[in-house]
Amino acid sequence: MGWDQSLLDAGPQGWQDGEHVIKVEDGYVHDIFVLSILTRKRYEHYGYLFYPKYLSMFNDTEFGEVARRDGVVIEAHHLLFEHMHPDCHKRSRDAVDLVHASQERWQAGEMLFNLRRSLNFPLDDGPKAVKSIAPPKTVTNNRFVAYLQVTKDDLCLYDVCARLMEEGVTDFCFAQPSKYWSGEEIGQESYDEISAVILKLIGKNVTTHHRIFDVDKYQMPGDSRIVVETRVRNDSLEWIRSLGYQHILIVDVDELWIRGTLGILKDYVDQGHKVLSVYMVPVIGVPGYPVEYSQDLAVVYVGEGITFKACRSPFVQQTIVHRQLIYHFTGTRKGMEETIVKHRRSGHYDDAEYDFETWINDVLPNIKPGYAHKWKNGNVGVHMYVPRQIWNAVRAWRPGELESMPESVRPYLGV
């Protein structure tokens, strides 16, 4: 009773006409401003109650931390405004609670909060935004954005990005599925790894964008993993284009471009080619060795309006650049168990045309230069695709190849 007068009496006379936030007690969460009470002048300073890019979680955390930073808090812990929260059994949880406090929103909010805290919570959105903090860049024909679909830092994510920066890439979009394609949850450690790489890139004065995609929203009954991944990838393209980009470089977190690759691709783009594929050098085994005479192709560039038919393969015809321009550490991780887990989470694992378990048990442990496996159907090679072999055998590293590798990767490669 009389809550309004109690608030007016909590601070110095006339406080409600200044720029203030008042912190009351809610009986449950004692440090966060879960009941966000502010004056009109405080609201007009920022032009919003909560920073607009939060989905829900962590918006009140920033609200309170910024208020304390600005020195505008009136402490009124003697006033108890009961917090009717389901976590303290004040009421039943409803459908709104399940969406509002979902794991996806928690993880997205925490990552955004940590990023903004590292930048001292800039006023870069809303009607009062200081536009000079992050000026929009004009998209030109020579400006490319790297699209990375990420779940964790498998081996060398920062070095993959650093090589792209060497090539002249200054814009990065990180599309992060909320789960592995196997349905397993992605742990907090993996989110922290991605966040650390993004923060490191920001320190290099590049533009980064990050979005989490709720995998459950793309999963229909009976869908294969690849179907789900393709839906997420197509939505990722739509998101990236909504940011103003037309020239999209597709890069996996374990794909290291050979120096000079972007210059080669630009020549094709300038000639009007809409989809570009290049050959790769797959690296497999623990430790890792390159595959000899690989037939692996990867789509590395898509232009305006292109969508995917399956995974990162588009509906339209590809222009093939007949050069091996990427080292793909597809079958090499920091240890044997990590390598096995990576393959069991693969989008192709539930495809009947792939024999992952034979590859894991009989091929992976024997990888070394000169090795090739004889499969039940008579095929000889080291790839798990049953109908035909695209990896004939494993070779040793050639002179100069290891020297071109980042220092972080070399300990996991065979010599």
Protein backbone atom coordinates (compact mmCIF):
# COMPACT_ATOMS: atom_id res chain seq x y z
CA MET A 1 0.00 0.00 0.00
CA GLY A 2 1.18 3.51 -0.77
CA TRP A 3 4.01 2.27 -2.98
CA ASP A 4 4.21 5.56 -4.91
CA GLN A 5 4.65 7.72 -1.81
CA SER A 6 7.16 5.21 -0.39
CA LEU A 7 9.28 5.62 -3.52
CA LEU A 8 9.04 9.41 -3.39
CA ASP A 9 10.17 9.35 0.24
CA ALA A 10 13.15 7.03 -0.50
CA GLY A 11 15.43 9.72 -1.93
CA PRO A 12 16.20 13.39 -1.51
CA GLN A 13 13.34 15.74 -2.13
CA GLY A 14 12.60 16.20 -5.83
CA TRP A 15 14.73 13.23 -6.92
CA GLN A 16 12.00 12.14 -9.32
CA ASP A 17 12.70 15.20 -11.48
CA GLY A 18 16.36 14.34 -11.96
CA GLU A 19 18.18 11.47 -13.68
CA HIS A 20 17.85 8.56 -11.26
CA VAL A 21 17.28 4.81 -10.92
CA ILE A 22 15.94 3.46 -7.65
CA LYS A 23 16.97 0.03 -6.35
CA VAL A 24 14.37 -1.71 -4.20
CA GLU A 25 14.36 -5.19 -2.64
CA ASP A 26 12.40 -7.92 -4.44
CA GLY A 27 12.83 -10.72 -1.91
CA TYR A 28 14.48 -13.07 -4.40
CA VAL A 29 17.23 -11.59 -6.61
CA HIS A 30 19.16 -9.15 -4.45
CA ASP A 31 21.85 -7.76 -6.77
CA ILE A 32 20.18 -7.37 -10.19
CA PHE A 33 17.68 -4.59 -10.93
CA VAL A 34 14.88 -7.02 -11.80
CA LEU A 35 12.32 -4.31 -10.94
CA SER A 36 13.57 -1.53 -13.17
CA ILE A 37 12.37 1.80 -11.76
CA LEU A 38 13.69 4.99 -13.35
CA THR A 39 12.80 8.63 -13.84
CA ARG A 40 11.69 10.15 -17.11
CA LYS A 41 14.94 12.10 -17.36
CA ARG A 42 16.90 8.86 -17.04
CA TYR A 43 14.76 7.28 -19.77
CA GLU A 44 15.29 10.24 -22.08
CA HIS A 45 19.07 10.02 -21.61
CA TYR A 46 19.16 6.69 -23.48
CA GLY A 47 15.83 6.69 -25.30
CA TYR A 48 14.99 3.20 -24.05
CA LEU A 49 14.36 1.26 -20.87
CA PHE A 50 16.43 -1.77 -21.95
CA TYR A 51 19.14 -1.99 -24.61
CA PRO A 52 17.12 -3.04 -27.70
CA LYS A 53 19.20 -5.97 -28.97
CA TYR A 54 18.57 -8.21 -25.94
CA LEU A 55 15.93 -10.87 -26.60
CA SER A 56 15.00 -10.87 -22.89
CA MET A 57 17.67 -12.27 -20.57
CA PHE A 58 20.42 -9.96 -19.20
CA ASN A 59 18.67 -6.72 -20.20
CA ASP A 60 18.03 -5.88 -16.54
CA THR A 61 21.61 -6.85 -15.69
CA GLU A 62 22.93 -4.19 -18.07
CA PHE A 63 20.29 -1.71 -16.87
CA GLY A 64 21.62 -1.90 -13.31
CA GLU A 65 25.30 -2.03 -14.16
CA VAL A 66 25.06 1.05 -16.40
CA ALA A 67 23.08 2.90 -13.72
CA ARG A 68 25.83 2.20 -11.16
CA ARG A 69 28.49 3.21 -13.70
CA ASP A 70 26.67 6.52 -14.24
CA GLY A 71 26.26 7.13 -10.49
CA VAL A 72 22.47 7.62 -10.64
CA VAL A 73 21.32 4.86 -8.23
CA ILE A 74 19.22 5.60 -5.14
CA GLU A 75 19.46 2.64 -2.74
CA ALA A 76 16.07 1.75 -1.23
CA HIS A 77 16.53 -1.82 -0.01
CA HIS A 78 14.15 -1.14 2.88
CA LEU A 79 11.28 -1.21 0.36
CA LEU A 80 10.08 -4.74 -0.49
CA PHE A 81 8.32 -5.18 -3.83
CA GLU A 82 7.48 -8.88 -3.92
CA HIS A 83 8.82 -10.65 -7.02
CA MET A 84 6.23 -13.21 -8.13
CA HIS A 85 8.75 -15.40 -9.93
CA PRO A 86 8.17 -19.11 -10.73
CA ASP A 87 11.76 -20.01 -9.76
CA CYS A 88 10.94 -19.19 -6.14
CA HIS A 89 7.59 -21.01 -6.36
CA LYS A 90 5.44 -17.89 -6.24
CA ARG A 91 3.38 -19.09 -9.21
CA SER A 92 3.32 -21.76 -11.92
CA ARG A 93 5.59 -21.41 -14.93
CA ASP A 94 3.68 -20.55 -18.13
CA ALA A 95 4.39 -20.54 -21.86
CA VAL A 96 5.73 -16.99 -21.76
CA ASP A 97 8.24 -17.98 -19.05
CA LEU A 98 9.50 -20.88 -21.17
CA VAL A 99 10.22 -18.59 -24.13
CA HIS A 100 11.50 -15.64 -22.09
CA ALA A 101 14.00 -17.67 -20.04
CA SER A 102 14.94 -20.32 -22.62
CA GLN A 103 18.51 -21.59 -22.82
CA GLU A 104 18.89 -19.93 -26.24
CA ARG A 105 17.89 -16.52 -24.87
CA TRP A 106 20.07 -16.93 -21.79
CA GLN A 107 23.14 -17.79 -23.88
CA ALA A 108 22.48 -15.03 -26.42
CA GLY A 109 21.93 -12.50 -23.64
CA GLU A 110 25.01 -13.49 -21.68
CA MET A 111 27.23 -13.28 -24.77
CA LEU A 112 25.84 -9.86 -25.71
CA PHE A 113 26.20 -8.61 -22.13
CA ASN A 114 29.84 -9.75 -21.87
CA LEU A 115 30.63 -8.17 -25.22
CA ARG A 116 28.98 -4.85 -24.33
CA ARG A 117 30.60 -4.81 -20.90
CA SER A 118 34.03 -5.19 -22.56
CA LEU A 119 33.17 -2.08 -24.61
CA ASN A 120 31.85 -0.17 -21.54
CA PHE A 121 28.21 -0.40 -22.73
CA PRO A 122 28.25 2.05 -25.66
CA LEU A 123 25.09 3.93 -26.63
CA ASP A 124 25.01 2.45 -30.15
CA ASP A 125 21.32 1.63 -30.63
CA GLY A 126 17.95 3.26 -30.12
CA PRO A 127 16.85 6.84 -30.90
CA LYS A 128 19.73 8.47 -29.00
CA ALA A 129 22.46 6.25 -30.46
CA VAL A 130 25.84 7.81 -31.06
CA LYS A 131 26.24 6.76 -34.66
CA SER A 132 29.95 7.48 -34.74
CA ILE A 133 30.67 4.52 -32.42
CA ALA A 134 29.94 1.99 -35.16
CA PRO A 135 29.52 3.79 -38.48
CA PRO A 136 27.73 1.76 -41.14
CA LYS A 137 30.00 0.64 -43.93
CA THR A 138 28.95 0.88 -47.55
CA VAL A 139 28.83 -2.47 -49.30
CA THR A 140 30.84 -2.42 -52.52
CA ASN A 141 31.64 -5.07 -55.13
CA ASN A 142 35.08 -5.51 -53.60
CA ARG A 143 33.89 -5.89 -50.00
CA PHE A 144 33.24 -9.43 -48.82
CA VAL A 145 31.79 -10.80 -45.59
CA ALA A 146 32.95 -14.12 -44.12
CA TYR A 147 30.07 -16.36 -42.99
CA LEU A 148 31.14 -18.90 -40.38
CA GLN A 149 28.74 -21.45 -38.96
CA VAL A 150 30.15 -22.17 -35.51
CA THR A 151 29.42 -24.48 -32.60
CA LYS A 152 32.81 -24.33 -30.86
CA ASP A 153 36.45 -23.53 -31.48
CA ASP A 154 37.30 -26.97 -32.86
CA LEU A 155 40.96 -26.41 -33.64
CA CYS A 156 41.99 -23.03 -35.02
CA LEU A 157 39.01 -20.67 -35.34
CA TYR A 158 40.93 -17.48 -34.66
CA ASP A 159 43.69 -18.47 -37.08
CA VAL A 160 41.08 -19.19 -39.76
CA CYS A 161 39.77 -15.65 -39.28
CA ALA A 162 43.27 -14.19 -39.09
CA ARG A 163 44.15 -15.72 -42.46
CA LEU A 164 40.99 -14.15 -43.93
CA MET A 165 42.01 -10.80 -42.47
CA GLU A 166 45.39 -11.19 -44.18
CA GLU A 167 43.43 -11.62 -47.41
CA GLY A 168 41.61 -8.34 -46.77
CA VAL A 169 38.35 -9.51 -45.15
CA THR A 170 37.11 -7.01 -42.54
CA ASP A 171 33.55 -8.27 -41.91
CA PHE A 172 32.58 -11.50 -40.14
CA CYS A 173 29.16 -13.06 -39.47
CA PHE A 174 29.02 -15.89 -36.91
CA ALA A 175 25.89 -18.05 -37.21
CA GLN A 176 25.71 -20.30 -34.15
CA PRO A 177 23.24 -23.24 -33.98
CA SER A 178 21.81 -23.75 -30.50
CA LYS A 179 22.55 -27.49 -30.70
CA TYR A 180 24.74 -29.91 -32.57
CA TRP A 181 23.00 -31.62 -35.50
CA SER A 182 23.00 -34.77 -33.36
CA GLY A 183 20.62 -33.01 -30.94
CA GLU A 184 23.22 -32.68 -28.17
CA GLU A 185 23.25 -29.44 -26.25
CA ILE A 186 26.19 -27.11 -26.75
CA GLY A 187 27.91 -26.50 -23.44
CA GLN A 188 28.74 -23.12 -21.94
CA GLU A 189 32.44 -23.71 -22.55
CA SER A 190 31.82 -23.76 -26.30
CA TYR A 191 29.86 -20.50 -26.18
CA ASP A 192 32.71 -18.94 -24.21
CA GLU A 193 35.22 -20.08 -26.86
CA ILE A 194 33.25 -18.37 -29.62
CA SER A 195 32.79 -15.23 -27.54
CA ALA A 196 36.54 -15.07 -26.87
CA VAL A 197 37.33 -15.23 -30.60
CA ILE A 198 34.76 -12.52 -31.40
CA LEU A 199 36.19 -10.23 -28.73
CA LYS A 200 39.70 -10.82 -30.07
CA LEU A 201 38.54 -9.91 -33.58
CA ILE A 202 36.88 -6.73 -32.35
CA GLY A 203 40.24 -5.76 -30.91
CA LYS A 204 41.64 -6.02 -34.44
CA ASN A 205 39.21 -3.34 -35.67
CA VAL A 206 37.01 -5.58 -37.79
CA THR A 207 33.20 -5.68 -37.92
CA THR A 208 31.56 -8.74 -36.36
CA HIS A 209 27.95 -9.92 -36.22
CA HIS A 210 26.70 -12.86 -34.18
CA ARG A 211 23.37 -14.67 -34.02
CA ILE A 212 22.18 -17.88 -32.37
CA PHE A 213 19.76 -20.05 -34.37
CA ASP A 214 17.31 -22.21 -32.39
CA VAL A 215 17.76 -25.62 -34.06
CA ASP A 216 14.46 -26.96 -32.71
CA LYS A 217 12.58 -24.44 -34.87
CA TYR A 218 14.11 -25.99 -38.01
CA GLN A 219 13.51 -29.64 -37.05
CA MET A 220 10.44 -31.43 -38.43
CA PRO A 221 9.49 -35.08 -37.68
CA GLY A 222 11.56 -37.46 -39.77
CA ASP A 223 14.04 -34.86 -41.00
CA SER A 224 17.63 -35.90 -41.56
CA ARG A 225 20.43 -33.87 -40.02
CA ILE A 226 21.41 -32.44 -43.39
CA VAL A 227 17.87 -31.17 -44.04
CA VAL A 228 17.93 -29.31 -40.72
CA GLU A 229 21.41 -27.91 -41.35
CA THR A 230 20.36 -26.72 -44.81
CA ARG A 231 17.41 -24.81 -43.36
CA VAL A 232 19.67 -23.13 -40.81
CA ARG A 233 22.21 -22.24 -43.50
CA ASN A 234 19.55 -20.68 -45.74
CA ASP A 235 18.22 -18.63 -42.85
CA SER A 236 21.79 -17.59 -42.09
CA LEU A 237 22.16 -16.28 -45.64
CA GLU A 238 18.92 -14.31 -45.25
CA TRP A 239 20.17 -12.81 -41.98
CA ILE A 240 23.53 -11.83 -43.50
CA ARG A 241 21.84 -10.19 -46.49
CA SER A 242 19.53 -8.30 -44.14
CA LEU A 243 22.71 -6.68 -42.76
CA GLY A 244 23.45 -5.28 -46.22
CA TYR A 245 25.94 -7.82 -47.55
CA GLN A 246 25.75 -9.33 -51.04
CA HIS A 247 29.15 -11.00 -51.44
CA ILE A 248 29.31 -13.89 -48.97
CA LEU A 249 32.40 -16.03 -48.35
CA ILE A 250 31.49 -19.40 -46.82
CA VAL A 251 34.12 -20.65 -44.39
CA ASP A 252 34.00 -23.53 -41.93
CA VAL A 253 35.83 -23.16 -38.63
CA ASP A 254 38.41 -25.78 -39.65
CA GLU A 255 39.14 -24.44 -43.16
CA LEU A 256 42.42 -22.54 -43.56
CA TRP A 257 42.65 -20.61 -46.82
CA ILE A 258 45.91 -20.67 -48.73
CA ARG A 259 47.34 -17.16 -49.06
CA GLY A 260 46.16 -15.39 -52.20
CA THR A 261 42.81 -17.21 -52.40
CA LEU A 262 40.61 -14.12 -52.11
CA GLY A 263 42.44 -12.39 -54.96
CA ILE A 264 41.74 -15.39 -57.19
CA LEU A 265 38.05 -15.41 -56.22
CA LYS A 266 37.68 -11.67 -56.85
CA ASP A 267 38.68 -12.13 -60.48
CA TYR A 268 35.81 -14.58 -60.98
CA VAL A 269 33.33 -12.36 -59.10
CA ASP A 270 34.30 -9.37 -61.23
CA GLN A 271 33.46 -11.48 -64.30
CA GLY A 272 29.93 -12.03 -62.94
CA HIS A 273 30.16 -15.57 -61.50
CA LYS A 274 27.50 -16.12 -58.78
CA VAL A 275 28.77 -19.32 -57.12
CA LEU A 276 32.40 -20.37 -56.74
CA SER A 277 33.81 -23.71 -55.58
CA VAL A 278 37.43 -24.64 -54.97
CA TYR A 279 39.27 -27.86 -54.33
CA MET A 280 40.49 -28.63 -50.82
CA VAL A 281 43.33 -30.53 -49.19
CA PRO A 282 41.61 -32.60 -46.48
CA VAL A 283 43.69 -33.22 -43.35
CA ILE A 284 42.80 -36.37 -41.38
CA GLY A 285 44.15 -38.45 -38.52
CA VAL A 286 45.58 -37.85 -35.05
CA PRO A 287 48.14 -36.48 -35.80
CA GLY A 288 46.89 -35.05 -39.07
CA TYR A 289 48.17 -35.78 -42.56
CA PRO A 290 46.93 -34.50 -45.93
CA VAL A 291 44.95 -36.64 -48.34
CA GLU A 292 46.55 -37.28 -51.73
CA TYR A 293 44.50 -36.66 -54.93
CA SER A 294 41.42 -35.50 -53.07
CA GLN A 295 38.26 -34.81 -55.07
CA ASP A 296 36.79 -32.58 -52.35
CA LEU A 297 35.06 -29.42 -53.54
CA ALA A 298 33.68 -26.68 -51.31
CA VAL A 299 31.44 -23.76 -52.21
CA VAL A 300 33.33 -20.72 -50.92
CA TYR A 301 31.39 -17.82 -52.45
CA VAL A 302 27.72 -17.07 -53.16
CA GLY A 303 26.35 -13.88 -54.63
CA GLU A 304 23.00 -12.16 -54.46
CA GLY A 305 19.89 -14.37 -54.30
CA ILE A 306 21.68 -17.74 -54.09
CA THR A 307 20.25 -20.36 -51.69
CA PHE A 308 21.34 -23.86 -50.73
CA LYS A 309 19.86 -27.16 -51.86
CA ALA A 310 21.79 -29.37 -49.43
CA CYS A 311 24.18 -28.18 -46.74
CA ARG A 312 26.30 -25.55 -48.55
CA SER A 313 25.63 -26.79 -52.09
CA PRO A 314 23.42 -24.35 -54.06
CA PHE A 315 20.54 -24.98 -56.45
CA VAL A 316 22.37 -23.34 -59.35
CA GLN A 317 25.44 -24.49 -61.26
CA GLN A 318 28.78 -23.80 -59.62
CA THR A 319 31.86 -22.31 -61.22
CA ILE A 320 34.75 -24.56 -60.23
CA VAL A 321 38.16 -23.02 -59.61
CA HIS A 322 40.50 -25.88 -60.46
CA ARG A 323 43.02 -25.27 -57.71
CA GLN A 324 43.47 -26.61 -54.20
CA LEU A 325 43.06 -23.44 -52.15
CA ILE A 326 41.96 -24.66 -48.69
CA TYR A 327 43.46 -26.92 -46.04
CA HIS A 328 40.42 -28.58 -44.46
CA PHE A 329 41.19 -30.08 -41.03
CA THR A 330 38.04 -32.17 -41.32
CA GLY A 331 39.40 -35.32 -39.65
CA THR A 332 41.93 -33.80 -37.26
CA ARG A 333 41.29 -32.41 -33.80
CA LYS A 334 43.42 -31.99 -30.67
CA GLY A 335 42.94 -35.61 -29.62
CA MET A 336 41.48 -38.91 -30.77
CA GLU A 337 38.33 -38.74 -28.64
CA GLU A 338 37.59 -35.20 -29.77
CA THR A 339 38.00 -36.30 -33.40
CA ILE A 340 35.60 -39.22 -32.92
CA VAL A 341 32.98 -37.06 -31.22
CA LYS A 342 33.20 -34.50 -34.03
CA HIS A 343 32.33 -37.14 -36.63
CA ARG A 344 29.47 -38.63 -34.64
CA ARG A 345 27.94 -35.15 -34.47
CA SER A 346 28.29 -34.71 -38.23
CA GLY A 347 25.31 -33.76 -40.36
CA HIS A 348 26.03 -36.85 -42.51
CA TYR A 349 26.24 -39.33 -39.63
CA ASP A 350 22.62 -40.53 -40.06
CA ASP A 351 23.00 -40.86 -43.86
CA ALA A 352 22.97 -44.53 -44.94
CA GLU A 353 25.51 -43.80 -47.68
CA TYR A 354 28.15 -42.97 -45.07
CA ASP A 355 29.87 -45.62 -42.92
CA PHE A 356 31.21 -43.51 -40.07
CA GLU A 357 31.67 -46.31 -37.53
CA THR A 358 33.96 -48.36 -39.77
CA TRP A 359 35.92 -45.20 -40.49
CA ILE A 360 36.17 -44.37 -36.77
CA ASN A 361 37.18 -47.89 -35.71
CA ASP A 362 39.27 -49.19 -38.61
CA VAL A 363 40.51 -46.20 -40.61
CA LEU A 364 41.10 -43.27 -38.26
CA PRO A 365 43.54 -45.11 -35.91
CA ASN A 366 45.71 -46.19 -38.89
CA ILE A 367 46.10 -42.88 -40.69
CA LYS A 368 49.69 -42.33 -41.85
CA PRO A 369 51.45 -41.53 -45.14
CA GLY A 370 50.79 -44.19 -47.77
CA TYR A 371 47.80 -45.70 -45.96
CA ALA A 372 44.61 -46.67 -47.81
CA HIS A 373 41.78 -48.86 -46.47
CA LYS A 374 40.08 -51.66 -48.40
CA TRP A 375 36.31 -51.43 -47.83
CA LYS A 376 33.77 -54.27 -47.95
CA ASN A 377 32.50 -53.22 -51.38
CA GLY A 378 36.02 -53.37 -52.83
CA ASN A 379 36.69 -49.61 -52.82
CA VAL A 380 40.16 -48.58 -51.69
CA GLY A 381 40.68 -45.26 -49.93
CA VAL A 382 40.17 -43.44 -46.65
CA HIS A 383 36.75 -41.74 -47.02
CA MET A 384 33.58 -42.97 -45.29
CA TYR A 385 31.32 -42.32 -48.32
CA VAL A 386 30.19 -45.79 -49.44
CA PRO A 387 29.28 -45.43 -53.17
CA ARG A 388 32.69 -44.14 -54.29
CA GLN A 389 36.03 -43.05 -52.92
CA ILE A 390 37.00 -39.38 -52.97
CA TRP A 391 40.07 -39.75 -50.71
CA ASN A 392 42.45 -42.24 -52.31
CA ALA A 393 45.31 -42.30 -49.83
CA VAL A 394 47.22 -40.29 -47.21
CA ARG A 395 50.51 -38.55 -48.01
CA ALA A 396 53.27 -36.83 -46.09
CA TRP A 397 53.44 -33.06 -45.82
CA ARG A 398 55.36 -31.43 -48.64
CA PRO A 399 58.25 -28.99 -48.10
CA GLY A 400 56.93 -25.58 -47.10
CA GLU A 401 53.42 -26.75 -46.21
CA LEU A 402 53.99 -27.06 -42.48
CA GLU A 403 55.76 -23.70 -42.41
CA SER A 404 52.61 -22.09 -43.84
CA MET A 405 50.53 -23.41 -40.95
CA PRO A 406 49.72 -21.27 -37.88
CA GLU A 407 51.76 -22.10 -34.79
CA SER A 408 48.59 -23.19 -32.96
CA VAL A 409 47.91 -25.97 -35.48
CA ARG A 410 51.38 -27.47 -35.91
CA PRO A 411 51.38 -29.59 -32.71
CA TYR A 412 48.45 -31.60 -34.08
CA LEU A 413 49.99 -32.37 -37.50
CA GLY A 414 52.17 -35.33 -38.40
CA VAL A 415 55.80 -34.74 -39.29
